[in-house]
Amino acid sequence: GRRRLTTLLAIAAVLFGLDLLTKCLAVALIDPGESVPIIG
């Protein structure tokens, strides 16, 4: 049970950090209304 809880929290922490990082980059690098193509 402790191992599963550790796994749960580790996955949550990684995804939370990735979400926070990408949001900060989006706010800093993309202007409102701007569209940056990735695949057309």
Full PDB file with SEQRES, HELIX, SHEET, SSBOND, CRYST1, ORIGX, SCALE, CONECT and MASTER records, all heavy atoms in Angstrom:
SEQRES   1 A   40  GLY ARG ARG ARG LEU THR THR LEU LEU ALA ILE ALA ALA          
SEQRES   2 A   40  VAL LEU PHE GLY LEU ASP LEU LEU THR LYS CYS LEU ALA          
SEQRES   3 A   40  VAL ALA LEU ILE ASP PRO GLY GLU SER VAL PRO ILE ILE          
SEQRES   4 A   40  GLY                                                          
HELIX    1 AA1 ARG A    2  LEU A   29  1                                  28    
CRYST1    1.000    1.000    1.000  90.00  90.00  90.00 P 1           1          
ORIGX1      1.000000  0.000000  0.000000        0.00000                         
ORIGX2      0.000000  1.000000  0.000000        0.00000                         
ORIGX3      0.000000  0.000000  1.000000        0.00000                         
SCALE1      1.000000  0.000000  0.000000        0.00000                         
SCALE2      0.000000  1.000000  0.000000        0.00000                         
SCALE3      0.000000  0.000000  1.000000        0.00000                         
ATOM      1  N   GLY A   1       0.811  -1.208   0.000  1.00  0.00           N  
ATOM      2  CA  GLY A   1       0.000   0.000   0.000  1.00  0.00           C  
ATOM      3  C   GLY A   1       0.844   1.257   0.000  1.00  0.00           C  
ATOM      4  O   GLY A   1       0.531   2.230  -0.695  1.00  0.00           O  
ATOM      5  N   ARG A   2       1.947   1.246   0.746  1.00  0.00           N  
ATOM      6  CA  ARG A   2       2.832   2.406   0.759  1.00  0.00           C  
ATOM      7  C   ARG A   2       3.499   2.616  -0.590  1.00  0.00           C  
ATOM      8  O   ARG A   2       3.667   3.751  -1.043  1.00  0.00           O  
ATOM      9  CB  ARG A   2       3.888   2.243   1.859  1.00  0.00           C  
ATOM     10  CG  ARG A   2       3.359   2.447   3.278  1.00  0.00           C  
ATOM     11  CD  ARG A   2       4.492   2.699   4.238  1.00  0.00           C  
ATOM     12  NE  ARG A   2       5.376   1.547   4.352  1.00  0.00           N  
ATOM     13  CZ  ARG A   2       5.260   0.596   5.262  1.00  0.00           C  
ATOM     14  NH1 ARG A   2       4.271   0.646   6.131  1.00  0.00           N  
ATOM     15  NH2 ARG A   2       6.116  -0.400   5.309  1.00  0.00           N  
ATOM     16  N   ARG A   3       3.881   1.509  -1.235  1.00  0.00           N  
ATOM     17  CA  ARG A   3       4.498   1.634  -2.562  1.00  0.00           C  
ATOM     18  C   ARG A   3       3.522   2.208  -3.575  1.00  0.00           C  
ATOM     19  O   ARG A   3       3.889   3.031  -4.416  1.00  0.00           O  
ATOM     20  CB  ARG A   3       5.000   0.271  -3.036  1.00  0.00           C  
ATOM     21  CG  ARG A   3       6.228  -0.240  -2.303  1.00  0.00           C  
ATOM     22  CD  ARG A   3       6.872  -1.383  -3.073  1.00  0.00           C  
ATOM     23  NE  ARG A   3       5.976  -2.504  -3.239  1.00  0.00           N  
ATOM     24  CZ  ARG A   3       5.873  -3.524  -2.400  1.00  0.00           C  
ATOM     25  NH1 ARG A   3       6.611  -3.538  -1.299  1.00  0.00           N  
ATOM     26  NH2 ARG A   3       5.052  -4.525  -2.644  1.00  0.00           N  
ATOM     27  N   ARG A   4       2.267   1.769  -3.512  1.00  0.00           N  
ATOM     28  CA  ARG A   4       1.274   2.275  -4.468  1.00  0.00           C  
ATOM     29  C   ARG A   4       1.003   3.760  -4.237  1.00  0.00           C  
ATOM     30  O   ARG A   4       0.848   4.530  -5.184  1.00  0.00           O  
ATOM     31  CB  ARG A   4      -0.019   1.467  -4.344  1.00  0.00           C  
ATOM     32  CG  ARG A   4       0.135  -0.006  -4.670  1.00  0.00           C  
ATOM     33  CD  ARG A   4       0.614  -0.237  -6.085  1.00  0.00           C  
ATOM     34  NE  ARG A   4       0.808  -1.637  -6.386  1.00  0.00           N  
ATOM     35  CZ  ARG A   4       1.981  -2.193  -6.622  1.00  0.00           C  
ATOM     36  NH1 ARG A   4       3.091  -1.456  -6.599  1.00  0.00           N  
ATOM     37  NH2 ARG A   4       2.084  -3.486  -6.893  1.00  0.00           N  
ATOM     38  N   LEU A   5       0.930   4.162  -2.971  1.00  0.00           N  
ATOM     39  CA  LEU A   5       0.712   5.577  -2.674  1.00  0.00           C  
ATOM     40  C   LEU A   5       1.894   6.410  -3.147  1.00  0.00           C  
ATOM     41  O   LEU A   5       1.722   7.503  -3.695  1.00  0.00           O  
ATOM     42  CB  LEU A   5       0.494   5.778  -1.172  1.00  0.00           C  
ATOM     43  CG  LEU A   5       0.259   7.225  -0.712  1.00  0.00           C  
ATOM     44  CD1 LEU A   5      -0.959   7.821  -1.397  1.00  0.00           C  
ATOM     45  CD2 LEU A   5       0.118   7.293   0.800  1.00  0.00           C  
ATOM     46  N   THR A   6       3.109   5.884  -2.974  1.00  0.00           N  
ATOM     47  CA  THR A   6       4.299   6.586  -3.452  1.00  0.00           C  
ATOM     48  C   THR A   6       4.260   6.732  -4.973  1.00  0.00           C  
ATOM     49  O   THR A   6       4.584   7.793  -5.520  1.00  0.00           O  
ATOM     50  CB  THR A   6       5.570   5.825  -3.037  1.00  0.00           C  
ATOM     51  OG1 THR A   6       5.617   5.727  -1.614  1.00  0.00           O  
ATOM     52  CG2 THR A   6       6.819   6.545  -3.533  1.00  0.00           C  
ATOM     53  N   THR A   7       3.863   5.664  -5.670  1.00  0.00           N  
ATOM     54  CA  THR A   7       3.735   5.726  -7.125  1.00  0.00           C  
ATOM     55  C   THR A   7       2.713   6.769  -7.536  1.00  0.00           C  
ATOM     56  O   THR A   7       2.946   7.572  -8.457  1.00  0.00           O  
ATOM     57  CB  THR A   7       3.315   4.355  -7.678  1.00  0.00           C  
ATOM     58  OG1 THR A   7       4.299   3.375  -7.325  1.00  0.00           O  
ATOM     59  CG2 THR A   7       3.171   4.391  -9.189  1.00  0.00           C  
ATOM     60  N   LEU A   8       1.559   6.769  -6.881  1.00  0.00           N  
ATOM     61  CA  LEU A   8       0.493   7.731  -7.181  1.00  0.00           C  
ATOM     62  C   LEU A   8       1.000   9.163  -7.031  1.00  0.00           C  
ATOM     63  O   LEU A   8       0.822   9.998  -7.925  1.00  0.00           O  
ATOM     64  CB  LEU A   8      -0.696   7.470  -6.254  1.00  0.00           C  
ATOM     65  CG  LEU A   8      -1.995   8.253  -6.477  1.00  0.00           C  
ATOM     66  CD1 LEU A   8      -3.165   7.480  -5.861  1.00  0.00           C  
ATOM     67  CD2 LEU A   8      -1.947   9.641  -5.859  1.00  0.00           C  
ATOM     68  N   LEU A   9       1.653   9.442  -5.898  1.00  0.00           N  
ATOM     69  CA  LEU A   9       2.115  10.803  -5.620  1.00  0.00           C  
ATOM     70  C   LEU A   9       3.240  11.220  -6.572  1.00  0.00           C  
ATOM     71  O   LEU A   9       3.319  12.379  -6.969  1.00  0.00           O  
ATOM     72  CB  LEU A   9       2.575  10.907  -4.165  1.00  0.00           C  
ATOM     73  CG  LEU A   9       1.479  10.721  -3.108  1.00  0.00           C  
ATOM     74  CD1 LEU A   9       2.073  10.767  -1.713  1.00  0.00           C  
ATOM     75  CD2 LEU A   9       0.389  11.778  -3.259  1.00  0.00           C  
ATOM     76  N   ALA A  10       4.104  10.262  -6.937  1.00  0.00           N  
ATOM     77  CA  ALA A  10       5.199  10.578  -7.865  1.00  0.00           C  
ATOM     78  C   ALA A  10       4.657  10.954  -9.241  1.00  0.00           C  
ATOM     79  O   ALA A  10       5.106  11.932  -9.853  1.00  0.00           O  
ATOM     80  CB  ALA A  10       6.153   9.388  -7.966  1.00  0.00           C  
ATOM     81  N   ILE A  11       3.692  10.179  -9.728  1.00  0.00           N  
ATOM     82  CA  ILE A  11       3.083  10.483 -11.033  1.00  0.00           C  
ATOM     83  C   ILE A  11       2.380  11.834 -10.985  1.00  0.00           C  
ATOM     84  O   ILE A  11       2.498  12.650 -11.909  1.00  0.00           O  
ATOM     85  CB  ILE A  11       2.107   9.369 -11.430  1.00  0.00           C  
ATOM     86  CG1 ILE A  11       2.875   8.084 -11.743  1.00  0.00           C  
ATOM     87  CG2 ILE A  11       1.258   9.781 -12.641  1.00  0.00           C  
ATOM     88  CD1 ILE A  11       1.990   6.891 -11.965  1.00  0.00           C  
ATOM     89  N   ALA A  12       1.653  12.075  -9.903  1.00  0.00           N  
ATOM     90  CA  ALA A  12       0.950  13.354  -9.752  1.00  0.00           C  
ATOM     91  C   ALA A  12       1.938  14.518  -9.725  1.00  0.00           C  
ATOM     92  O   ALA A  12       1.702  15.560 -10.361  1.00  0.00           O  
ATOM     93  CB  ALA A  12       0.105  13.341  -8.477  1.00  0.00           C  
ATOM     94  N   ALA A  13       3.053  14.351  -9.024  1.00  0.00           N  
ATOM     95  CA  ALA A  13       4.042  15.425  -8.921  1.00  0.00           C  
ATOM     96  C   ALA A  13       4.676  15.726 -10.275  1.00  0.00           C  
ATOM     97  O   ALA A  13       4.867  16.896 -10.639  1.00  0.00           O  
ATOM     98  CB  ALA A  13       5.114  15.044  -7.900  1.00  0.00           C  
ATOM     99  N   VAL A  14       5.000  14.685 -11.043  1.00  0.00           N  
ATOM    100  CA  VAL A  14       5.605  14.877 -12.360  1.00  0.00           C  
ATOM    101  C   VAL A  14       4.642  15.613 -13.298  1.00  0.00           C  
ATOM    102  O   VAL A  14       5.028  16.578 -13.984  1.00  0.00           O  
ATOM    103  CB  VAL A  14       6.033  13.530 -12.967  1.00  0.00           C  
ATOM    104  CG1 VAL A  14       6.418  13.694 -14.432  1.00  0.00           C  
ATOM    105  CG2 VAL A  14       7.191  12.930 -12.175  1.00  0.00           C  
ATOM    106  N   LEU A  15       3.400  15.165 -13.326  1.00  0.00           N  
ATOM    107  CA  LEU A  15       2.415  15.792 -14.211  1.00  0.00           C  
ATOM    108  C   LEU A  15       2.096  17.218 -13.772  1.00  0.00           C  
ATOM    109  O   LEU A  15       1.929  18.112 -14.608  1.00  0.00           O  
ATOM    110  CB  LEU A  15       1.145  14.952 -14.251  1.00  0.00           C  
ATOM    111  CG  LEU A  15       1.275  13.613 -14.983  1.00  0.00           C  
ATOM    112  CD1 LEU A  15       0.015  12.772 -14.803  1.00  0.00           C  
ATOM    113  CD2 LEU A  15       1.544  13.842 -16.462  1.00  0.00           C  
ATOM    114  N   PHE A  16       2.023  17.444 -12.476  1.00  0.00           N  
ATOM    115  CA  PHE A  16       1.778  18.794 -11.964  1.00  0.00           C  
ATOM    116  C   PHE A  16       2.917  19.731 -12.360  1.00  0.00           C  
ATOM    117  O   PHE A  16       2.690  20.857 -12.815  1.00  0.00           O  
ATOM    118  CB  PHE A  16       1.617  18.767 -10.452  1.00  0.00           C  
ATOM    119  CG  PHE A  16       1.564  20.124  -9.819  1.00  0.00           C  
ATOM    120  CD1 PHE A  16       0.461  20.944  -9.997  1.00  0.00           C  
ATOM    121  CD2 PHE A  16       2.626  20.603  -9.054  1.00  0.00           C  
ATOM    122  CE1 PHE A  16       0.401  22.210  -9.426  1.00  0.00           C  
ATOM    123  CE2 PHE A  16       2.583  21.858  -8.480  1.00  0.00           C  
ATOM    124  CZ  PHE A  16       1.469  22.666  -8.663  1.00  0.00           C  
ATOM    125  N   GLY A  17       4.163  19.249 -12.184  1.00  0.00           N  
ATOM    126  CA  GLY A  17       5.309  20.076 -12.562  1.00  0.00           C  
ATOM    127  C   GLY A  17       5.351  20.355 -14.052  1.00  0.00           C  
ATOM    128  O   GLY A  17       5.642  21.482 -14.481  1.00  0.00           O  
ATOM    129  N   LEU A  18       5.041  19.345 -14.867  1.00  0.00           N  
ATOM    130  CA  LEU A  18       5.035  19.531 -16.323  1.00  0.00           C  
ATOM    131  C   LEU A  18       3.942  20.501 -16.740  1.00  0.00           C  
ATOM    132  O   LEU A  18       4.158  21.358 -17.618  1.00  0.00           O  
ATOM    133  CB  LEU A  18       4.818  18.173 -16.993  1.00  0.00           C  
ATOM    134  CG  LEU A  18       4.816  18.158 -18.523  1.00  0.00           C  
ATOM    135  CD1 LEU A  18       6.151  18.637 -19.063  1.00  0.00           C  
ATOM    136  CD2 LEU A  18       4.501  16.763 -19.045  1.00  0.00           C  
ATOM    137  N   ASP A  19       2.770  20.398 -16.110  1.00  0.00           N  
ATOM    138  CA  ASP A  19       1.664  21.310 -16.431  1.00  0.00           C  
ATOM    139  C   ASP A  19       2.029  22.746 -16.069  1.00  0.00           C  
ATOM    140  O   ASP A  19       1.810  23.667 -16.857  1.00  0.00           O  
ATOM    141  CB  ASP A  19       0.411  20.865 -15.677  1.00  0.00           C  
ATOM    142  CG  ASP A  19      -0.773  21.782 -15.924  1.00  0.00           C  
ATOM    143  OD1 ASP A  19      -1.290  21.788 -17.069  1.00  0.00           O  
ATOM    144  OD2 ASP A  19      -1.186  22.489 -14.989  1.00  0.00           O  
ATOM    145  N   LEU A  20       2.610  22.919 -14.875  1.00  0.00           N  
ATOM    146  CA  LEU A  20       2.975  24.265 -14.434  1.00  0.00           C  
ATOM    147  C   LEU A  20       4.043  24.869 -15.337  1.00  0.00           C  
ATOM    148  O   LEU A  20       3.963  26.044 -15.715  1.00  0.00           O  
ATOM    149  CB  LEU A  20       3.472  24.199 -12.980  1.00  0.00           C  
ATOM    150  CG  LEU A  20       3.825  25.527 -12.311  1.00  0.00           C  
ATOM    151  CD1 LEU A  20       2.599  26.431 -12.241  1.00  0.00           C  
ATOM    152  CD2 LEU A  20       4.391  25.285 -10.922  1.00  0.00           C  
ATOM    153  N   LEU A  21       5.039  24.054 -15.705  1.00  0.00           N  
ATOM    154  CA  LEU A  21       6.115  24.552 -16.569  1.00  0.00           C  
ATOM    155  C   LEU A  21       5.588  24.963 -17.940  1.00  0.00           C  
ATOM    156  O   LEU A  21       5.919  26.047 -18.448  1.00  0.00           O  
ATOM    157  CB  LEU A  21       7.181  23.469 -16.723  1.00  0.00           C  
ATOM    158  CG  LEU A  21       8.323  23.776 -17.700  1.00  0.00           C  
ATOM    159  CD1 LEU A  21       9.116  24.986 -17.229  1.00  0.00           C  
ATOM    160  CD2 LEU A  21       9.234  22.563 -17.856  1.00  0.00           C  
ATOM    161  N   THR A  22       4.773  24.127 -18.543  1.00  0.00           N  
ATOM    162  CA  THR A  22       4.266  24.440 -19.891  1.00  0.00           C  
ATOM    163  C   THR A  22       3.339  25.655 -19.877  1.00  0.00           C  
ATOM    164  O   THR A  22       3.337  26.445 -20.823  1.00  0.00           O  
ATOM    165  CB  THR A  22       3.535  23.227 -20.484  1.00  0.00           C  
ATOM    166  OG1 THR A  22       2.526  22.767 -19.558  1.00  0.00           O  
ATOM    167  CG2 THR A  22       4.508  22.086 -20.748  1.00  0.00           C  
ATOM    168  N   LYS A  23       2.571  25.814 -18.812  1.00  0.00           N  
ATOM    169  CA  LYS A  23       1.706  26.994 -18.717  1.00  0.00           C  
ATOM    170  C   LYS A  23       2.530  28.269 -18.586  1.00  0.00           C  
ATOM    171  O   LYS A  23       2.210  29.297 -19.216  1.00  0.00           O  
ATOM    172  CB  LYS A  23       0.752  26.856 -17.532  1.00  0.00           C  
ATOM    173  CG  LYS A  23      -0.383  25.875 -17.763  1.00  0.00           C  
ATOM    174  CD  LYS A  23      -1.215  25.698 -16.513  1.00  0.00           C  
ATOM    175  CE  LYS A  23      -2.383  24.752 -16.751  1.00  0.00           C  
ATOM    176  NZ  LYS A  23      -3.147  24.474 -15.503  1.00  0.00           N  
ATOM    177  N   CYS A  24       3.575  28.224 -17.781  1.00  0.00           N  
ATOM    178  CA  CYS A  24       4.439  29.401 -17.632  1.00  0.00           C  
ATOM    179  C   CYS A  24       5.104  29.762 -18.959  1.00  0.00           C  
ATOM    180  O   CYS A  24       5.203  30.939 -19.326  1.00  0.00           O  
ATOM    181  CB  CYS A  24       5.499  29.134 -16.564  1.00  0.00           C  
ATOM    182  SG  CYS A  24       4.857  29.057 -14.879  1.00  0.00           S  
ATOM    183  N   LEU A  25       5.552  28.740 -19.697  1.00  0.00           N  
ATOM    184  CA  LEU A  25       6.166  28.990 -21.004  1.00  0.00           C  
ATOM    185  C   LEU A  25       5.146  29.551 -21.987  1.00  0.00           C  
ATOM    186  O   LEU A  25       5.466  30.462 -22.778  1.00  0.00           O  
ATOM    187  CB  LEU A  25       6.768  27.695 -21.550  1.00  0.00           C  
ATOM    188  CG  LEU A  25       8.005  27.166 -20.822  1.00  0.00           C  
ATOM    189  CD1 LEU A  25       8.404  25.807 -21.382  1.00  0.00           C  
ATOM    190  CD2 LEU A  25       9.164  28.157 -20.935  1.00  0.00           C  
ATOM    191  N   ALA A  26       3.925  29.032 -21.943  1.00  0.00           N  
ATOM    192  CA  ALA A  26       2.894  29.513 -22.855  1.00  0.00           C  
ATOM    193  C   ALA A  26       2.572  30.977 -22.592  1.00  0.00           C  
ATOM    194  O   ALA A  26       2.458  31.784 -23.534  1.00  0.00           O  
ATOM    195  CB  ALA A  26       1.633  28.658 -22.716  1.00  0.00           C  
ATOM    196  N   VAL A  27       2.439  31.336 -21.324  1.00  0.00           N  
ATOM    197  CA  VAL A  27       2.123  32.725 -20.972  1.00  0.00           C  
ATOM    198  C   VAL A  27       3.274  33.651 -21.368  1.00  0.00           C  
ATOM    199  O   VAL A  27       3.050  34.780 -21.825  1.00  0.00           O  
ATOM    200  CB  VAL A  27       1.831  32.831 -19.460  1.00  0.00           C  
ATOM    201  CG1 VAL A  27       1.720  34.287 -19.030  1.00  0.00           C  
ATOM    202  CG2 VAL A  27       0.541  32.082 -19.115  1.00  0.00           C  
ATOM    203  N   ALA A  28       4.510  33.171 -21.208  1.00  0.00           N  
ATOM    204  CA  ALA A  28       5.672  34.014 -21.482  1.00  0.00           C  
ATOM    205  C   ALA A  28       5.965  34.154 -22.982  1.00  0.00           C  
ATOM    206  O   ALA A  28       6.449  35.203 -23.422  1.00  0.00           O  
ATOM    207  CB  ALA A  28       6.897  33.446 -20.769  1.00  0.00           C  
ATOM    208  N   LEU A  29       5.655  33.131 -23.766  1.00  0.00           N  
ATOM    209  CA  LEU A  29       6.102  33.109 -25.157  1.00  0.00           C  
ATOM    210  C   LEU A  29       4.996  33.324 -26.188  1.00  0.00           C  
ATOM    211  O   LEU A  29       5.292  33.631 -27.346  1.00  0.00           O  
ATOM    212  CB  LEU A  29       6.803  31.775 -25.447  1.00  0.00           C  
ATOM    213  CG  LEU A  29       8.031  31.470 -24.580  1.00  0.00           C  
ATOM    214  CD1 LEU A  29       8.578  30.081 -24.910  1.00  0.00           C  
ATOM    215  CD2 LEU A  29       9.111  32.535 -24.762  1.00  0.00           C  
ATOM    216  N   ILE A  30       3.739  33.139 -25.788  1.00  0.00           N  
ATOM    217  CA  ILE A  30       2.644  33.251 -26.759  1.00  0.00           C  
ATOM    218  C   ILE A  30       1.776  34.453 -26.413  1.00  0.00           C  
ATOM    219  O   ILE A  30       1.301  34.580 -25.269  1.00  0.00           O  
ATOM    220  CB  ILE A  30       1.780  31.973 -26.765  1.00  0.00           C  
ATOM    221  CG1 ILE A  30       2.650  30.740 -27.035  1.00  0.00           C  
ATOM    222  CG2 ILE A  30       0.682  32.077 -27.811  1.00  0.00           C  
ATOM    223  CD1 ILE A  30       1.893  29.438 -26.921  1.00  0.00           C  
ATOM    224  N   ASP A  31       1.558  35.309 -27.373  1.00  0.00           N  
ATOM    225  CA  ASP A  31       0.681  36.463 -27.162  1.00  0.00           C  
ATOM    226  C   ASP A  31      -0.780  36.038 -27.298  1.00  0.00           C  
ATOM    227  O   ASP A  31      -1.098  35.126 -28.079  1.00  0.00           O  
ATOM    228  CB  ASP A  31       0.983  37.546 -28.189  1.00  0.00           C  
ATOM    229  CG  ASP A  31       2.375  38.127 -28.012  1.00  0.00           C  
ATOM    230  OD1 ASP A  31       2.841  38.191 -26.854  1.00  0.00           O  
ATOM    231  OD2 ASP A  31       3.003  38.496 -29.036  1.00  0.00           O  
ATOM    232  N   PRO A  32      -1.680  36.678 -26.541  1.00  0.00           N  
ATOM    233  CA  PRO A  32      -3.112  36.355 -26.673  1.00  0.00           C  
ATOM    234  C   PRO A  32      -3.597  36.546 -28.102  1.00  0.00           C  
ATOM    235  O   PRO A  32      -3.304  37.559 -28.748  1.00  0.00           O  
ATOM    236  CB  PRO A  32      -3.779  37.357 -25.718  1.00  0.00           C  
ATOM    237  CG  PRO A  32      -2.722  37.691 -24.718  1.00  0.00           C  
ATOM    238  CD  PRO A  32      -1.424  37.661 -25.480  1.00  0.00           C  
ATOM    239  N   GLY A  33      -4.296  35.539 -28.616  1.00  0.00           N  
ATOM    240  CA  GLY A  33      -4.792  35.598 -29.973  1.00  0.00           C  
ATOM    241  C   GLY A  33      -3.800  35.113 -31.015  1.00  0.00           C  
ATOM    242  O   GLY A  33      -4.167  34.927 -32.186  1.00  0.00           O  
ATOM    243  N   GLU A  34      -2.543  34.911 -30.623  1.00  0.00           N  
ATOM    244  CA  GLU A  34      -1.535  34.425 -31.564  1.00  0.00           C  
ATOM    245  C   GLU A  34      -1.684  32.921 -31.768  1.00  0.00           C  
ATOM    246  O   GLU A  34      -2.012  32.183 -30.834  1.00  0.00           O  
ATOM    247  CB  GLU A  34      -0.135  34.739 -31.036  1.00  0.00           C  
ATOM    248  CG  GLU A  34       0.991  34.274 -31.946  1.00  0.00           C  
ATOM    249  CD  GLU A  34       2.361  34.502 -31.328  1.00  0.00           C  
ATOM    250  OE1 GLU A  34       2.410  34.974 -30.170  1.00  0.00           O  
ATOM    251  OE2 GLU A  34       3.366  34.202 -32.003  1.00  0.00           O  
ATOM    252  N   SER A  35      -1.424  32.457 -32.965  1.00  0.00           N  
ATOM    253  CA  SER A  35      -1.477  31.033 -33.286  1.00  0.00           C  
ATOM    254  C   SER A  35      -0.122  30.591 -33.825  1.00  0.00           C  
ATOM    255  O   SER A  35       0.360  31.139 -34.816  1.00  0.00           O  
ATOM    256  CB  SER A  35      -2.579  30.750 -34.322  1.00  0.00           C  
ATOM    257  OG  SER A  35      -2.656  29.372 -34.598  1.00  0.00           O  
ATOM    258  N   VAL A  36       0.482  29.607 -33.128  1.00  0.00           N  
ATOM    259  CA  VAL A  36       1.800  29.110 -33.523  1.00  0.00           C  
ATOM    260  C   VAL A  36       1.629  27.711 -34.114  1.00  0.00           C  
ATOM    261  O   VAL A  36       1.339  26.757 -33.385  1.00  0.00           O  
ATOM    262  CB  VAL A  36       2.753  29.058 -32.317  1.00  0.00           C  
ATOM    263  CG1 VAL A  36       4.130  28.555 -32.743  1.00  0.00           C  
ATOM    264  CG2 VAL A  36       2.855  30.423 -31.645  1.00  0.00           C  
ATOM    265  N   PRO A  37       1.795  27.533 -35.425  1.00  0.00           N  
ATOM    266  CA  PRO A  37       1.557  26.228 -36.042  1.00  0.00           C  
ATOM    267  C   PRO A  37       2.579  25.184 -35.578  1.00  0.00           C  
ATOM    268  O   PRO A  37       3.761  25.480 -35.410  1.00  0.00           O  
ATOM    269  CB  PRO A  37       1.717  26.508 -37.546  1.00  0.00           C  
ATOM    270  CG  PRO A  37       1.601  27.995 -37.686  1.00  0.00           C  
ATOM    271  CD  PRO A  37       2.130  28.568 -36.413  1.00  0.00           C  
ATOM    272  N   ILE A  38       2.085  23.956 -35.361  1.00  0.00           N  
ATOM    273  CA  ILE A  38       2.950  22.816 -35.058  1.00  0.00           C  
ATOM    274  C   ILE A  38       2.929  21.847 -36.230  1.00  0.00           C  
ATOM    275  O   ILE A  38       3.963  21.469 -36.765  1.00  0.00           O  
ATOM    276  CB  ILE A  38       2.484  22.091 -33.777  1.00  0.00           C  
ATOM    277  CG1 ILE A  38       2.392  23.078 -32.612  1.00  0.00           C  
ATOM    278  CG2 ILE A  38       3.438  20.959 -33.429  1.00  0.00           C  
ATOM    279  CD1 ILE A  38       1.768  22.477 -31.371  1.00  0.00           C  
ATOM    280  N   ILE A  39       1.715  21.433 -36.618  1.00  0.00           N  
ATOM    281  CA  ILE A  39       1.522  20.596 -37.806  1.00  0.00           C  
ATOM    282  C   ILE A  39       0.493  21.313 -38.680  1.00  0.00           C  
ATOM    283  O   ILE A  39      -0.706  21.018 -38.639  1.00  0.00           O  
ATOM    284  CB  ILE A  39       1.039  19.189 -37.437  1.00  0.00           C  
ATOM    285  CG1 ILE A  39       1.984  18.538 -36.432  1.00  0.00           C  
ATOM    286  CG2 ILE A  39       0.931  18.312 -38.687  1.00  0.00           C  
ATOM    287  CD1 ILE A  39       1.517  17.190 -35.942  1.00  0.00           C  
ATOM    288  N   GLY A  40       0.952  22.291 -39.418  1.00  0.00           N  
ATOM    289  CA  GLY A  40       0.051  23.077 -40.251  1.00  0.00           C  
ATOM    290  C   GLY A  40      -1.022  23.747 -39.405  1.00  0.00           C  
ATOM    291  O   GLY A  40      -0.746  24.291 -38.336  1.00  0.00           O  
TER     292      GLY A  40                                                      
MASTER        0    0    0    1    0    0    0    6  291    1    0    4          
END                                                                             
